[in-house]
Amino acid sequence: MLTHIHPKLPMRNLNNTKQYYINQLGFKQTGGDYNGYLMLEKDGIEIHFFEFANLNPDENYGQVYIRCSDIYTLHKHLQQKGVPMHPQSTVELKPWGQIEFALLDPDNNLLTFGQSV
């Protein structure tokens, strides 16, 4: 009965979020322009954002885990584009059998990318 999941993350500024996800991560906007709401898609996954103008990034615990294929190529591509990685994250094999790396978006939402071994 369940078919998809579209996580919703907070954003302080729609234009900044849009610029980061589209220009840095390669997402595209889906749907129309909605007041304070943004829907983005890439490779069949969709992330939604809601405006939270008073969000304190240091207190934001928004997180999304994104499974992927060819994680090393993805990581290299993002590095070549100058996308900053999470300061405590490298591409590495985790004890739970996933190769992972992470980054933080402009609002401090944690995006973790993982590939099964």
N, C-alpha and C. Protein backbone atom coordinates (compact mmCIF):
# COMPACT_ATOMS: atom_id res chain seq x y z
N MET A 1 0.80 -1.20 0.00
CA MET A 1 0.00 0.00 0.00
C MET A 1 0.85 1.27 0.00
N LEU A 2 1.99 1.26 0.68
CA LEU A 2 2.87 2.44 0.66
C LEU A 2 3.70 2.43 -0.61
N THR A 3 3.91 3.59 -1.20
CA THR A 3 4.64 3.62 -2.46
C THR A 3 5.86 4.51 -2.45
N HIS A 4 5.85 5.62 -1.74
CA HIS A 4 6.97 6.55 -1.74
C HIS A 4 7.04 7.27 -0.41
N ILE A 5 8.17 7.88 -0.17
CA ILE A 5 8.31 8.77 0.98
C ILE A 5 9.01 10.03 0.51
N HIS A 6 8.52 11.17 0.96
CA HIS A 6 9.10 12.46 0.60
C HIS A 6 9.37 13.22 1.89
N PRO A 7 10.58 13.13 2.40
CA PRO A 7 10.88 13.83 3.65
C PRO A 7 10.71 15.34 3.49
N LYS A 8 10.33 15.99 4.59
CA LYS A 8 10.16 17.43 4.62
C LYS A 8 11.18 18.01 5.59
N LEU A 9 11.98 18.94 5.09
CA LEU A 9 13.04 19.55 5.89
C LEU A 9 12.79 21.05 6.01
N PRO A 10 13.24 21.65 7.11
CA PRO A 10 13.08 23.10 7.25
C PRO A 10 14.10 23.87 6.42
N MET A 11 13.69 25.06 6.00
CA MET A 11 14.60 25.96 5.28
C MET A 11 14.31 27.38 5.75
N ARG A 12 15.35 28.19 5.85
CA ARG A 12 15.17 29.59 6.23
C ARG A 12 14.82 30.45 5.03
N ASN A 13 15.36 30.12 3.86
CA ASN A 13 15.19 30.96 2.69
C ASN A 13 15.01 30.09 1.46
N LEU A 14 13.87 30.19 0.82
CA LEU A 14 13.55 29.35 -0.32
C LEU A 14 14.57 29.49 -1.44
N ASN A 15 14.96 30.70 -1.78
CA ASN A 15 15.90 30.91 -2.87
C ASN A 15 17.28 30.32 -2.58
N ASN A 16 17.75 30.46 -1.35
CA ASN A 16 19.05 29.87 -0.98
C ASN A 16 19.00 28.34 -1.06
N THR A 17 17.91 27.76 -0.56
CA THR A 17 17.77 26.30 -0.60
C THR A 17 17.70 25.82 -2.03
N LYS A 18 16.91 26.50 -2.84
CA LYS A 18 16.75 26.15 -4.25
C LYS A 18 18.10 26.21 -4.97
N GLN A 19 18.85 27.28 -4.74
CA GLN A 19 20.15 27.45 -5.39
C GLN A 19 21.10 26.32 -5.00
N TYR A 20 21.15 26.00 -3.72
CA TYR A 20 22.06 24.96 -3.25
C TYR A 20 21.72 23.60 -3.86
N TYR A 21 20.47 23.19 -3.73
CA TYR A 21 20.08 21.86 -4.19
C TYR A 21 20.11 21.73 -5.72
N ILE A 22 19.76 22.79 -6.43
CA ILE A 22 19.75 22.73 -7.89
C ILE A 22 21.17 22.90 -8.44
N ASN A 23 21.86 23.95 -8.04
CA ASN A 23 23.17 24.25 -8.62
C ASN A 23 24.30 23.40 -8.06
N GLN A 24 24.22 23.03 -6.79
CA GLN A 24 25.30 22.25 -6.19
C GLN A 24 25.05 20.74 -6.25
N LEU A 25 23.81 20.31 -5.99
CA LEU A 25 23.55 18.88 -5.89
C LEU A 25 22.85 18.30 -7.12
N GLY A 26 22.39 19.15 -8.05
CA GLY A 26 21.81 18.64 -9.28
C GLY A 26 20.34 18.28 -9.22
N PHE A 27 19.62 18.75 -8.23
CA PHE A 27 18.18 18.51 -8.15
C PHE A 27 17.47 19.43 -9.14
N LYS A 28 16.20 19.15 -9.39
CA LYS A 28 15.36 20.05 -10.17
C LYS A 28 14.06 20.29 -9.41
N GLN A 29 13.47 21.43 -9.64
CA GLN A 29 12.23 21.76 -8.96
C GLN A 29 11.08 21.00 -9.60
N THR A 30 10.20 20.48 -8.77
CA THR A 30 8.98 19.83 -9.26
C THR A 30 7.81 20.66 -8.76
N GLY A 31 6.68 20.51 -9.40
CA GLY A 31 5.52 21.29 -8.99
C GLY A 31 5.70 22.75 -9.33
N GLY A 32 4.86 23.57 -8.77
CA GLY A 32 4.89 24.99 -9.05
C GLY A 32 5.58 25.77 -7.95
N ASP A 33 5.33 27.06 -7.95
CA ASP A 33 5.85 27.93 -6.89
C ASP A 33 4.79 28.06 -5.82
N TYR A 34 5.13 27.65 -4.64
CA TYR A 34 4.21 27.70 -3.51
C TYR A 34 4.82 28.60 -2.45
N ASN A 35 4.01 29.37 -1.82
CA ASN A 35 4.47 30.30 -0.80
C ASN A 35 5.12 29.55 0.36
N GLY A 36 6.45 29.63 0.45
CA GLY A 36 7.15 29.02 1.57
C GLY A 36 7.28 27.51 1.51
N TYR A 37 7.07 26.91 0.35
CA TYR A 37 7.17 25.46 0.21
C TYR A 37 7.89 25.13 -1.09
N LEU A 38 8.79 24.17 -1.04
CA LEU A 38 9.62 23.83 -2.19
C LEU A 38 9.69 22.32 -2.32
N MET A 39 9.54 21.82 -3.55
CA MET A 39 9.66 20.39 -3.83
C MET A 39 10.77 20.21 -4.87
N LEU A 40 11.73 19.35 -4.54
CA LEU A 40 12.87 19.10 -5.42
C LEU A 40 13.01 17.61 -5.67
N GLU A 41 13.54 17.25 -6.86
CA GLU A 41 13.66 15.85 -7.24
C GLU A 41 14.98 15.62 -7.96
N LYS A 42 15.53 14.43 -7.73
CA LYS A 42 16.72 13.97 -8.47
C LYS A 42 16.72 12.45 -8.47
N ASP A 43 16.91 11.87 -9.63
CA ASP A 43 17.04 10.42 -9.78
C ASP A 43 15.93 9.64 -9.08
N GLY A 44 14.71 10.16 -9.13
CA GLY A 44 13.58 9.44 -8.56
C GLY A 44 13.34 9.66 -7.08
N ILE A 45 14.19 10.44 -6.42
CA ILE A 45 13.89 10.76 -5.02
C ILE A 45 13.41 12.21 -4.94
N GLU A 46 12.58 12.48 -3.98
CA GLU A 46 12.02 13.81 -3.83
C GLU A 46 12.16 14.26 -2.38
N ILE A 47 12.60 15.50 -2.22
CA ILE A 47 12.70 16.12 -0.90
C ILE A 47 11.85 17.38 -0.92
N HIS A 48 11.06 17.57 0.12
CA HIS A 48 10.25 18.77 0.26
C HIS A 48 10.84 19.65 1.36
N PHE A 49 10.63 20.95 1.23
CA PHE A 49 11.14 21.91 2.21
C PHE A 49 10.02 22.87 2.60
N PHE A 50 9.96 23.18 3.87
CA PHE A 50 8.98 24.15 4.36
C PHE A 50 9.73 25.33 4.97
N GLU A 51 9.18 26.51 4.78
CA GLU A 51 9.83 27.71 5.29
C GLU A 51 9.73 27.78 6.81
N PHE A 52 10.88 28.04 7.41
CA PHE A 52 10.98 28.23 8.85
C PHE A 52 12.00 29.36 9.02
N ALA A 53 11.53 30.59 8.81
CA ALA A 53 12.41 31.76 8.76
C ALA A 53 13.23 31.95 10.02
N ASN A 54 12.70 31.56 11.17
CA ASN A 54 13.40 31.76 12.44
C ASN A 54 14.23 30.54 12.87
N LEU A 55 14.44 29.62 11.96
CA LEU A 55 15.23 28.44 12.27
C LEU A 55 16.65 28.83 12.68
N ASN A 56 17.10 28.28 13.78
CA ASN A 56 18.49 28.43 14.19
C ASN A 56 19.23 27.19 13.69
N PRO A 57 20.11 27.34 12.68
CA PRO A 57 20.79 26.16 12.12
C PRO A 57 21.53 25.34 13.17
N ASP A 58 22.03 25.97 14.22
CA ASP A 58 22.74 25.23 15.26
C ASP A 58 21.81 24.33 16.07
N GLU A 59 20.50 24.55 15.96
CA GLU A 59 19.52 23.74 16.69
C GLU A 59 18.68 22.88 15.75
N ASN A 60 19.08 22.79 14.49
CA ASN A 60 18.33 22.01 13.51
C ASN A 60 18.86 20.58 13.48
N TYR A 61 17.96 19.64 13.63
CA TYR A 61 18.34 18.23 13.60
C TYR A 61 17.71 17.49 12.42
N GLY A 62 17.34 18.25 11.34
CA GLY A 62 16.79 17.61 10.15
C GLY A 62 17.81 16.68 9.52
N GLN A 63 17.36 15.48 9.17
CA GLN A 63 18.27 14.49 8.60
C GLN A 63 17.55 13.65 7.56
N VAL A 64 18.28 13.30 6.51
CA VAL A 64 17.77 12.39 5.48
C VAL A 64 18.88 11.42 5.13
N TYR A 65 18.53 10.15 5.02
CA TYR A 65 19.47 9.13 4.57
C TYR A 65 19.09 8.76 3.14
N ILE A 66 20.02 8.92 2.21
CA ILE A 66 19.75 8.69 0.79
C ILE A 66 20.61 7.53 0.31
N ARG A 67 19.97 6.44 -0.06
CA ARG A 67 20.70 5.31 -0.62
C ARG A 67 21.04 5.62 -2.07
N CYS A 68 22.22 5.18 -2.47
CA CYS A 68 22.66 5.49 -3.83
C CYS A 68 23.48 4.33 -4.38
N SER A 69 23.77 4.43 -5.66
CA SER A 69 24.70 3.50 -6.31
C SER A 69 25.90 4.31 -6.75
N ASP A 70 27.04 3.68 -6.90
CA ASP A 70 28.27 4.33 -7.35
C ASP A 70 28.63 5.53 -6.46
N ILE A 71 28.70 5.28 -5.18
CA ILE A 71 28.91 6.34 -4.19
C ILE A 71 30.24 7.07 -4.39
N TYR A 72 31.26 6.36 -4.84
CA TYR A 72 32.55 7.02 -5.03
C TYR A 72 32.49 8.06 -6.15
N THR A 73 31.78 7.74 -7.22
CA THR A 73 31.62 8.70 -8.31
C THR A 73 30.80 9.90 -7.85
N LEU A 74 29.74 9.65 -7.10
CA LEU A 74 28.92 10.75 -6.56
C LEU A 74 29.76 11.66 -5.68
N HIS A 75 30.53 11.07 -4.78
CA HIS A 75 31.37 11.86 -3.88
C HIS A 75 32.38 12.69 -4.67
N LYS A 76 33.03 12.08 -5.64
CA LYS A 76 34.02 12.78 -6.45
C LYS A 76 33.37 13.93 -7.22
N HIS A 77 32.21 13.68 -7.78
CA HIS A 77 31.48 14.72 -8.53
C HIS A 77 31.15 15.91 -7.62
N LEU A 78 30.66 15.64 -6.43
CA LEU A 78 30.33 16.73 -5.50
C LEU A 78 31.58 17.48 -5.06
N GLN A 79 32.67 16.77 -4.84
CA GLN A 79 33.93 17.44 -4.49
C GLN A 79 34.41 18.34 -5.62
N GLN A 80 34.32 17.86 -6.85
CA GLN A 80 34.74 18.66 -8.00
C GLN A 80 33.90 19.92 -8.16
N LYS A 81 32.64 19.86 -7.73
CA LYS A 81 31.77 21.04 -7.79
C LYS A 81 32.02 21.97 -6.60
N GLY A 82 32.86 21.55 -5.67
CA GLY A 82 33.17 22.38 -4.51
C GLY A 82 32.14 22.31 -3.41
N VAL A 83 31.33 21.26 -3.39
CA VAL A 83 30.32 21.10 -2.34
C VAL A 83 31.03 20.70 -1.05
N PRO A 84 30.90 21.50 0.00
CA PRO A 84 31.56 21.13 1.26
C PRO A 84 30.95 19.87 1.87
N MET A 85 31.80 18.99 2.32
CA MET A 85 31.36 17.77 3.00
C MET A 85 31.22 18.05 4.50
N HIS A 86 30.52 17.19 5.17
CA HIS A 86 30.41 17.30 6.62
C HIS A 86 31.83 17.23 7.19
N PRO A 87 32.16 18.11 8.13
CA PRO A 87 33.54 18.16 8.62
C PRO A 87 34.04 16.87 9.26
N GLN A 88 33.13 16.01 9.70
CA GLN A 88 33.56 14.76 10.33
C GLN A 88 33.20 13.55 9.48
N SER A 89 33.07 13.76 8.16
CA SER A 89 32.64 12.68 7.29
C SER A 89 33.63 12.47 6.15
N THR A 90 33.99 11.21 5.96
CA THR A 90 34.75 10.80 4.78
C THR A 90 33.99 9.63 4.17
N VAL A 91 34.31 9.27 2.96
CA VAL A 91 33.70 8.08 2.37
C VAL A 91 34.33 6.88 3.06
N GLU A 92 33.52 6.14 3.78
CA GLU A 92 34.07 5.00 4.51
C GLU A 92 33.04 3.91 4.71
N LEU A 93 33.55 2.72 4.87
CA LEU A 93 32.71 1.56 5.17
C LEU A 93 32.35 1.59 6.64
N LYS A 94 31.06 1.53 6.92
CA LYS A 94 30.57 1.53 8.30
C LYS A 94 30.35 0.10 8.78
N PRO A 95 30.34 -0.12 10.09
CA PRO A 95 30.15 -1.47 10.62
C PRO A 95 28.83 -2.12 10.20
N TRP A 96 27.84 -1.32 9.81
CA TRP A 96 26.53 -1.87 9.43
C TRP A 96 26.46 -2.20 7.93
N GLY A 97 27.62 -2.23 7.25
CA GLY A 97 27.67 -2.69 5.88
C GLY A 97 27.30 -1.67 4.82
N GLN A 98 27.42 -0.41 5.15
CA GLN A 98 27.15 0.66 4.20
C GLN A 98 28.42 1.49 4.01
N ILE A 99 28.68 1.89 2.77
CA ILE A 99 29.71 2.90 2.51
C ILE A 99 28.96 4.22 2.54
N GLU A 100 29.45 5.17 3.34
CA GLU A 100 28.71 6.41 3.56
C GLU A 100 29.61 7.64 3.52
N PHE A 101 28.98 8.78 3.22
CA PHE A 101 29.53 10.10 3.47
C PHE A 101 28.37 11.03 3.71
N ALA A 102 28.65 12.21 4.26
CA ALA A 102 27.56 13.12 4.60
C ALA A 102 27.95 14.57 4.29
N LEU A 103 26.94 15.39 4.18
CA LEU A 103 27.13 16.83 4.03
C LEU A 103 26.01 17.55 4.75
N LEU A 104 26.23 18.84 4.97
CA LEU A 104 25.23 19.69 5.60
C LEU A 104 24.78 20.73 4.61
N ASP A 105 23.45 20.92 4.49
CA ASP A 105 22.96 21.96 3.58
C ASP A 105 23.02 23.32 4.30
N PRO A 106 22.66 24.40 3.63
CA PRO A 106 22.79 25.73 4.24
C PRO A 106 22.02 25.94 5.54
N ASP A 107 21.03 25.07 5.80
CA ASP A 107 20.26 25.18 7.04
C ASP A 107 20.64 24.14 8.06
N ASN A 108 21.74 23.45 7.80
CA ASN A 108 22.29 22.45 8.71
C ASN A 108 21.50 21.15 8.71
N ASN A 109 20.71 20.90 7.65
CA ASN A 109 20.08 19.59 7.48
C ASN A 109 21.17 18.62 7.07
N LEU A 110 21.24 17.48 7.73
CA LEU A 110 22.25 16.47 7.45
C LEU A 110 21.76 15.54 6.35
N LEU A 111 22.53 15.46 5.27
CA LEU A 111 22.24 14.53 4.18
C LEU A 111 23.32 13.46 4.20
N THR A 112 22.94 12.23 4.51
CA THR A 112 23.87 11.12 4.51
C THR A 112 23.59 10.25 3.29
N PHE A 113 24.63 9.96 2.52
CA PHE A 113 24.51 9.13 1.34
C PHE A 113 25.13 7.77 1.67
N GLY A 114 24.44 6.70 1.30
CA GLY A 114 24.93 5.36 1.63
C GLY A 114 24.71 4.38 0.51
N GLN A 115 25.66 3.47 0.38
CA GLN A 115 25.56 2.38 -0.60
C GLN A 115 25.86 1.07 0.10
N SER A 116 25.03 0.07 -0.15
CA SER A 116 25.25 -1.25 0.45
C SER A 116 26.48 -1.89 -0.17
N VAL A 117 27.20 -2.63 0.67
CA VAL A 117 28.39 -3.34 0.20
C VAL A 117 27.97 -4.66 -0.42
